[in-house]
Amino acid sequence: MNMINATNEQLELGLAGVKLSAAPPQGRIARANWWFSQMREVVGRAMDWSTPAEARPEQIWIPGATREVKV
């Protein structure tokens, strides 16, 4: 978007062809409740990702970190 031609109109975000329900109601609290209910629906439809398997433990050698008792 060219910033010289920018307008003050609100941009709309598409969610992969998913239509959000009816237009938000008027009033600050009502709009906030509507927005958060829409976001809960989006989160509810989200994919579940499987967690990766835990990495195998790795034993490393740190030079000079020996625990020898010298007599």
PDB file of N, CA and C in Angstrom:
ATOM      1  N   MET A   1       0.845  -1.163   0.000  1.00  0.00           N
ATOM      2  CA  MET A   1       0.000   0.000   0.000  1.00  0.00           C
ATOM      3  C   MET A   1       0.896   1.233   0.000  1.00  0.00           C
ATOM      4  N   ASN A   2       0.561   2.156  -0.839  1.00  0.00           N
ATOM      5  CA  ASN A   2       1.292   3.401  -0.920  1.00  0.00           C
ATOM      6  C   ASN A   2       0.790   4.337   0.169  1.00  0.00           C
ATOM      7  N   MET A   3       1.664   4.778   1.045  1.00  0.00           N
ATOM      8  CA  MET A   3       1.244   5.600   2.170  1.00  0.00           C
ATOM      9  C   MET A   3       0.709   6.961   1.727  1.00  0.00           C
ATOM     10  N   ILE A   4       1.087   7.416   0.545  1.00  0.00           N
ATOM     11  CA  ILE A   4       0.585   8.699   0.062  1.00  0.00           C
ATOM     12  C   ILE A   4      -0.908   8.598  -0.207  1.00  0.00           C
ATOM     13  N   ASN A   5      -1.364   7.447  -0.677  1.00  0.00           N
ATOM     14  CA  ASN A   5      -2.765   7.252  -1.006  1.00  0.00           C
ATOM     15  C   ASN A   5      -3.561   6.613   0.129  1.00  0.00           C
ATOM     16  N   ALA A   6      -3.004   6.558   1.327  1.00  0.00           N
ATOM     17  CA  ALA A   6      -3.690   5.916   2.455  1.00  0.00           C
ATOM     18  C   ALA A   6      -4.944   6.710   2.830  1.00  0.00           C
ATOM     19  N   THR A   7      -5.957   5.983   3.269  1.00  0.00           N
ATOM     20  CA  THR A   7      -7.190   6.630   3.709  1.00  0.00           C
ATOM     21  C   THR A   7      -7.418   6.331   5.171  1.00  0.00           C
ATOM     22  N   ASN A   8      -8.423   6.941   5.737  1.00  0.00           N
ATOM     23  CA  ASN A   8      -8.759   6.715   7.137  1.00  0.00           C
ATOM     24  C   ASN A   8      -9.822   5.650   7.299  1.00  0.00           C
ATOM     25  N   GLU A   9     -10.095   4.879   6.243  1.00  0.00           N
ATOM     26  CA  GLU A   9     -11.117   3.847   6.332  1.00  0.00           C
ATOM     27  C   GLU A   9     -10.565   2.622   7.039  1.00  0.00           C
ATOM     28  N   GLN A  10     -11.450   1.880   7.672  1.00  0.00           N
ATOM     29  CA  GLN A  10     -11.052   0.685   8.407  1.00  0.00           C
ATOM     30  C   GLN A  10     -10.772  -0.445   7.434  1.00  0.00           C
ATOM     31  N   LEU A  11      -9.680  -1.162   7.661  1.00  0.00           N
ATOM     32  CA  LEU A  11      -9.351  -2.322   6.847  1.00  0.00           C
ATOM     33  C   LEU A  11     -10.080  -3.531   7.394  1.00  0.00           C
ATOM     34  N   GLU A  12     -10.414  -4.475   6.515  1.00  0.00           N
ATOM     35  CA  GLU A  12     -11.070  -5.698   6.936  1.00  0.00           C
ATOM     36  C   GLU A  12     -10.122  -6.857   6.744  1.00  0.00           C
ATOM     37  N   LEU A  13     -10.108  -7.754   7.703  1.00  0.00           N
ATOM     38  CA  LEU A  13      -9.240  -8.914   7.667  1.00  0.00           C
ATOM     39  C   LEU A  13     -10.061 -10.127   7.302  1.00  0.00           C
ATOM     40  N   GLY A  14      -9.688 -10.802   6.236  1.00  0.00           N
ATOM     41  CA  GLY A  14     -10.372 -12.024   5.847  1.00  0.00           C
ATOM     42  C   GLY A  14      -9.784 -13.217   6.575  1.00  0.00           C
ATOM     43  N   LEU A  15     -10.615 -14.150   6.934  1.00  0.00           N
ATOM     44  CA  LEU A  15     -10.160 -15.343   7.652  1.00  0.00           C
ATOM     45  C   LEU A  15     -10.446 -16.567   6.797  1.00  0.00           C
ATOM     46  N   ALA A  16      -9.711 -16.723   5.703  1.00  0.00           N
ATOM     47  CA  ALA A  16      -9.810 -17.873   4.810  1.00  0.00           C
ATOM     48  C   ALA A  16     -11.242 -18.136   4.377  1.00  0.00           C
ATOM     49  N   GLY A  17     -11.932 -17.109   3.985  1.00  0.00           N
ATOM     50  CA  GLY A  17     -13.289 -17.262   3.477  1.00  0.00           C
ATOM     51  C   GLY A  17     -14.353 -17.447   4.533  1.00  0.00           C
ATOM     52  N   VAL A  18     -13.990 -17.423   5.800  1.00  0.00           N
ATOM     53  CA  VAL A  18     -14.963 -17.596   6.874  1.00  0.00           C
ATOM     54  C   VAL A  18     -15.649 -16.263   7.116  1.00  0.00           C
ATOM     55  N   LYS A  19     -16.955 -16.261   7.058  1.00  0.00           N
ATOM     56  CA  LYS A  19     -17.711 -15.038   7.316  1.00  0.00           C
ATOM     57  C   LYS A  19     -17.984 -14.928   8.812  1.00  0.00           C
ATOM     58  N   LEU A  20     -17.732 -13.766   9.351  1.00  0.00           N
ATOM     59  CA  LEU A  20     -18.092 -13.531  10.741  1.00  0.00           C
ATOM     60  C   LEU A  20     -19.589 -13.260  10.790  1.00  0.00           C
ATOM     61  N   SER A  21     -20.167 -13.471  11.939  1.00  0.00           N
ATOM     62  CA  SER A  21     -21.612 -13.302  12.055  1.00  0.00           C
ATOM     63  C   SER A  21     -22.013 -11.843  11.855  1.00  0.00           C
ATOM     64  N   ALA A  22     -23.229 -11.524  12.099  1.00  0.00           N
ATOM     65  CA  ALA A  22     -23.810 -10.205  11.810  1.00  0.00           C
ATOM     66  C   ALA A  22     -22.931  -9.062  12.297  1.00  0.00           C
ATOM     67  N   ALA A  23     -23.216  -7.880  11.792  1.00  0.00           N
ATOM     68  CA  ALA A  23     -22.447  -6.682  12.136  1.00  0.00           C
ATOM     69  C   ALA A  23     -22.456  -6.451  13.644  1.00  0.00           C
ATOM     70  N   PRO A  24     -21.393  -5.861  14.137  1.00  0.00           N
ATOM     71  CA  PRO A  24     -21.317  -5.638  15.579  1.00  0.00           C
ATOM     72  C   PRO A  24     -22.374  -4.661  16.053  1.00  0.00           C
ATOM     73  N   PRO A  25     -22.887  -4.871  17.252  1.00  0.00           N
ATOM     74  CA  PRO A  25     -23.876  -3.948  17.803  1.00  0.00           C
ATOM     75  C   PRO A  25     -23.223  -2.614  18.153  1.00  0.00           C
ATOM     76  N   GLN A  26     -24.036  -1.615  18.355  1.00  0.00           N
ATOM     77  CA  GLN A  26     -23.533  -0.279  18.697  1.00  0.00           C
ATOM     78  C   GLN A  26     -23.288  -0.190  20.201  1.00  0.00           C
ATOM     79  N   GLY A  27     -22.428   0.713  20.575  1.00  0.00           N
ATOM     80  CA  GLY A  27     -22.086   0.884  21.988  1.00  0.00           C
ATOM     81  C   GLY A  27     -20.748   0.219  22.278  1.00  0.00           C
ATOM     82  N   ARG A  28     -19.942   0.860  23.055  1.00  0.00           N
ATOM     83  CA  ARG A  28     -18.578   0.400  23.314  1.00  0.00           C
ATOM     84  C   ARG A  28     -18.531  -0.994  23.939  1.00  0.00           C
ATOM     85  N   ILE A  29     -19.281  -1.216  24.986  1.00  0.00           N
ATOM     86  CA  ILE A  29     -19.272  -2.510  25.676  1.00  0.00           C
ATOM     87  C   ILE A  29     -19.848  -3.594  24.768  1.00  0.00           C
ATOM     88  N   ALA A  30     -20.935  -3.283  24.066  1.00  0.00           N
ATOM     89  CA  ALA A  30     -21.552  -4.258  23.174  1.00  0.00           C
ATOM     90  C   ALA A  30     -20.597  -4.640  22.050  1.00  0.00           C
ATOM     91  N   ARG A  31     -19.881  -3.670  21.482  1.00  0.00           N
ATOM     92  CA  ARG A  31     -18.913  -3.967  20.417  1.00  0.00           C
ATOM     93  C   ARG A  31     -17.772  -4.818  20.949  1.00  0.00           C
ATOM     94  N   ALA A  32     -17.304  -4.519  22.161  1.00  0.00           N
ATOM     95  CA  ALA A  32     -16.213  -5.304  22.753  1.00  0.00           C
ATOM     96  C   ALA A  32     -16.667  -6.737  22.992  1.00  0.00           C
ATOM     97  N   ASN A  33     -17.867  -6.920  23.530  1.00  0.00           N
ATOM     98  CA  ASN A  33     -18.387  -8.279  23.748  1.00  0.00           C
ATOM     99  C   ASN A  33     -18.523  -9.025  22.428  1.00  0.00           C
ATOM    100  N   TRP A  34     -19.011  -8.331  21.394  1.00  0.00           N
ATOM    101  CA  TRP A  34     -19.153  -8.951  20.076  1.00  0.00           C
ATOM    102  C   TRP A  34     -17.798  -9.373  19.546  1.00  0.00           C
ATOM    103  N   TRP A  35     -16.810  -8.482  19.630  1.00  0.00           N
ATOM    104  CA  TRP A  35     -15.474  -8.769  19.108  1.00  0.00           C
ATOM    105  C   TRP A  35     -14.862  -9.984  19.814  1.00  0.00           C
ATOM    106  N   PHE A  36     -14.935 -10.021  21.135  1.00  0.00           N
ATOM    107  CA  PHE A  36     -14.334 -11.129  21.861  1.00  0.00           C
ATOM    108  C   PHE A  36     -15.081 -12.440  21.612  1.00  0.00           C
ATOM    109  N   SER A  37     -16.373 -12.392  21.410  1.00  0.00           N
ATOM    110  CA  SER A  37     -17.092 -13.631  21.066  1.00  0.00           C
ATOM    111  C   SER A  37     -16.668 -14.120  19.692  1.00  0.00           C
ATOM    112  N   GLN A  38     -16.429 -13.198  18.749  1.00  0.00           N
ATOM    113  CA  GLN A  38     -15.944 -13.598  17.428  1.00  0.00           C
ATOM    114  C   GLN A  38     -14.560 -14.239  17.536  1.00  0.00           C
ATOM    115  N   MET A  39     -13.689 -13.668  18.334  1.00  0.00           N
ATOM    116  CA  MET A  39     -12.340 -14.214  18.484  1.00  0.00           C
ATOM    117  C   MET A  39     -12.376 -15.571  19.187  1.00  0.00           C
ATOM    118  N   ARG A  40     -13.303 -15.759  20.135  1.00  0.00           N
ATOM    119  CA  ARG A  40     -13.435 -17.084  20.770  1.00  0.00           C
ATOM    120  C   ARG A  40     -13.854 -18.123  19.746  1.00  0.00           C
ATOM    121  N   GLU A  41     -14.744 -17.747  18.813  1.00  0.00           N
ATOM    122  CA  GLU A  41     -15.144 -18.676  17.752  1.00  0.00           C
ATOM    123  C   GLU A  41     -13.962 -19.035  16.867  1.00  0.00           C
ATOM    124  N   VAL A  42     -13.151 -18.045  16.506  1.00  0.00           N
ATOM    125  CA  VAL A  42     -11.983 -18.291  15.668  1.00  0.00           C
ATOM    126  C   VAL A  42     -11.018 -19.230  16.380  1.00  0.00           C
ATOM    127  N   VAL A  43     -10.765 -18.971  17.652  1.00  0.00           N
ATOM    128  CA  VAL A  43      -9.860 -19.828  18.421  1.00  0.00           C
ATOM    129  C   VAL A  43     -10.447 -21.225  18.551  1.00  0.00           C
ATOM    130  N   GLY A  44     -11.759 -21.331  18.723  1.00  0.00           N
ATOM    131  CA  GLY A  44     -12.405 -22.631  18.832  1.00  0.00           C
ATOM    132  C   GLY A  44     -12.291 -23.457  17.557  1.00  0.00           C
ATOM    133  N   ARG A  45     -12.178 -22.788  16.409  1.00  0.00           N
ATOM    134  CA  ARG A  45     -12.052 -23.501  15.133  1.00  0.00           C
ATOM    135  C   ARG A  45     -10.604 -23.757  14.744  1.00  0.00           C
ATOM    136  N   ALA A  46      -9.663 -23.311  15.554  1.00  0.00           N
ATOM    137  CA  ALA A  46      -8.242 -23.443  15.225  1.00  0.00           C
ATOM    138  C   ALA A  46      -7.825 -24.911  15.224  1.00  0.00           C
ATOM    139  N   MET A  47      -6.781 -25.190  14.460  1.00  0.00           N
ATOM    140  CA  MET A  47      -6.247 -26.551  14.390  1.00  0.00           C
ATOM    141  C   MET A  47      -5.482 -26.885  15.663  1.00  0.00           C
ATOM    142  N   ASP A  48      -5.507 -28.131  16.043  1.00  0.00           N
ATOM    143  CA  ASP A  48      -4.684 -28.596  17.158  1.00  0.00           C
ATOM    144  C   ASP A  48      -3.353 -29.072  16.587  1.00  0.00           C
ATOM    145  N   TRP A  49      -2.274 -28.554  17.101  1.00  0.00           N
ATOM    146  CA  TRP A  49      -0.945 -28.957  16.662  1.00  0.00           C
ATOM    147  C   TRP A  49      -0.389 -29.950  17.673  1.00  0.00           C
ATOM    148  N   SER A  50       0.204 -30.995  17.161  1.00  0.00           N
ATOM    149  CA  SER A  50       0.820 -31.960  18.069  1.00  0.00           C
ATOM    150  C   SER A  50       2.173 -31.408  18.510  1.00  0.00           C
ATOM    151  N   THR A  51       2.500 -31.643  19.767  1.00  0.00           N
ATOM    152  CA  THR A  51       3.779 -31.158  20.267  1.00  0.00           C
ATOM    153  C   THR A  51       4.880 -32.086  19.771  1.00  0.00           C
ATOM    154  N   PRO A  52       6.038 -31.529  19.441  1.00  0.00           N
ATOM    155  CA  PRO A  52       7.134 -32.376  18.966  1.00  0.00           C
ATOM    156  C   PRO A  52       7.641 -33.270  20.093  1.00  0.00           C
ATOM    157  N   ALA A  53       8.191 -34.394  19.700  1.00  0.00           N
ATOM    158  CA  ALA A  53       8.755 -35.315  20.689  1.00  0.00           C
ATOM    159  C   ALA A  53       9.908 -34.629  21.411  1.00  0.00           C
ATOM    160  N   GLU A  54      10.071 -34.955  22.668  1.00  0.00           N
ATOM    161  CA  GLU A  54      11.141 -34.353  23.449  1.00  0.00           C
ATOM    162  C   GLU A  54      12.495 -34.843  22.931  1.00  0.00           C
ATOM    163  N   ALA A  55      13.438 -33.942  22.844  1.00  0.00           N
ATOM    164  CA  ALA A  55      14.766 -34.290  22.342  1.00  0.00           C
ATOM    165  C   ALA A  55      15.466 -35.250  23.297  1.00  0.00           C
ATOM    166  N   ARG A  56      16.304 -36.086  22.720  1.00  0.00           N
ATOM    167  CA  ARG A  56      17.077 -37.018  23.548  1.00  0.00           C
ATOM    168  C   ARG A  56      18.089 -36.234  24.370  1.00  0.00           C
ATOM    169  N   PRO A  57      18.365 -36.688  25.602  1.00  0.00           N
ATOM    170  CA  PRO A  57      19.375 -35.991  26.402  1.00  0.00           C
ATOM    171  C   PRO A  57      20.752 -36.129  25.745  1.00  0.00           C
ATOM    172  N   GLU A  58      21.541 -35.099  25.860  1.00  0.00           N
ATOM    173  CA  GLU A  58      22.863 -35.104  25.247  1.00  0.00           C
ATOM    174  C   GLU A  58      23.894 -34.902  26.337  1.00  0.00           C
ATOM    175  N   GLN A  59      24.874 -35.793  26.368  1.00  0.00           N
ATOM    176  CA  GLN A  59      25.936 -35.670  27.358  1.00  0.00           C
ATOM    177  C   GLN A  59      27.118 -34.986  26.688  1.00  0.00           C
ATOM    178  N   ILE A  60      27.563 -33.887  27.289  1.00  0.00           N
ATOM    179  CA  ILE A  60      28.675 -33.149  26.697  1.00  0.00           C
ATOM    180  C   ILE A  60      29.867 -33.164  27.648  1.00  0.00           C
ATOM    181  N   TRP A  61      31.019 -32.907  27.109  1.00  0.00           N
ATOM    182  CA  TRP A  61      32.244 -32.864  27.900  1.00  0.00           C
ATOM    183  C   TRP A  61      32.733 -31.429  27.922  1.00  0.00           C
ATOM    184  N   ILE A  62      32.886 -30.876  29.119  1.00  0.00           N
ATOM    185  CA  ILE A  62      33.412 -29.523  29.248  1.00  0.00           C
ATOM    186  C   ILE A  62      34.868 -29.630  29.692  1.00  0.00           C
ATOM    187  N   PRO A  63      35.776 -29.217  28.840  1.00  0.00           N
ATOM    188  CA  PRO A  63      37.202 -29.322  29.196  1.00  0.00           C
ATOM    189  C   PRO A  63      37.523 -28.530  30.474  1.00  0.00           C
ATOM    190  N   GLY A  64      38.327 -29.133  31.333  1.00  0.00           N
ATOM    191  CA  GLY A  64      38.738 -28.477  32.569  1.00  0.00           C
ATOM    192  C   GLY A  64      37.717 -28.555  33.692  1.00  0.00           C
ATOM    193  N   ALA A  65      36.639 -29.293  33.491  1.00  0.00           N
ATOM    194  CA  ALA A  65      35.615 -29.378  34.516  1.00  0.00           C
ATOM    195  C   ALA A  65      35.631 -30.756  35.170  1.00  0.00           C
ATOM    196  N   THR A  66      36.790 -31.253  35.441  1.00  0.00           N
ATOM    197  CA  THR A  66      36.889 -32.580  36.073  1.00  0.00           C
ATOM    198  C   THR A  66      36.761 -32.429  37.582  1.00  0.00           C
ATOM    199  N   ARG A  67      36.364 -33.501  38.229  1.00  0.00           N
ATOM    200  CA  ARG A  67      36.196 -33.477  39.681  1.00  0.00           C
ATOM    201  C   ARG A  67      37.139 -34.491  40.341  1.00  0.00           C
ATOM    202  N   GLU A  68      38.347 -34.455  39.901  1.00  0.00           N
ATOM    203  CA  GLU A  68      39.337 -35.365  40.471  1.00  0.00           C
ATOM    204  C   GLU A  68      39.910 -34.780  41.757  1.00  0.00           C
ATOM    205  N   VAL A  69      40.131 -35.643  42.721  1.00  0.00           N
ATOM    206  CA  VAL A  69      40.756 -35.222  43.975  1.00  0.00           C
ATOM    207  C   VAL A  69      42.232 -35.553  43.862  1.00  0.00           C
ATOM    208  N   LYS A  70      43.055 -34.523  43.874  1.00  0.00           N
ATOM    209  CA  LYS A  70      44.499 -34.726  43.754  1.00  0.00           C
ATOM    210  C   LYS A  70      45.127 -34.683  45.144  1.00  0.00           C
ATOM    211  N   VAL A  71      45.901 -35.732  45.473  1.00  0.00           N
ATOM    212  CA  VAL A  71      46.500 -35.838  46.790  1.00  0.00           C
ATOM    213  C   VAL A  71      47.972 -35.614  46.724  1.00  0.00           C
TER     214      VAL A  71
END
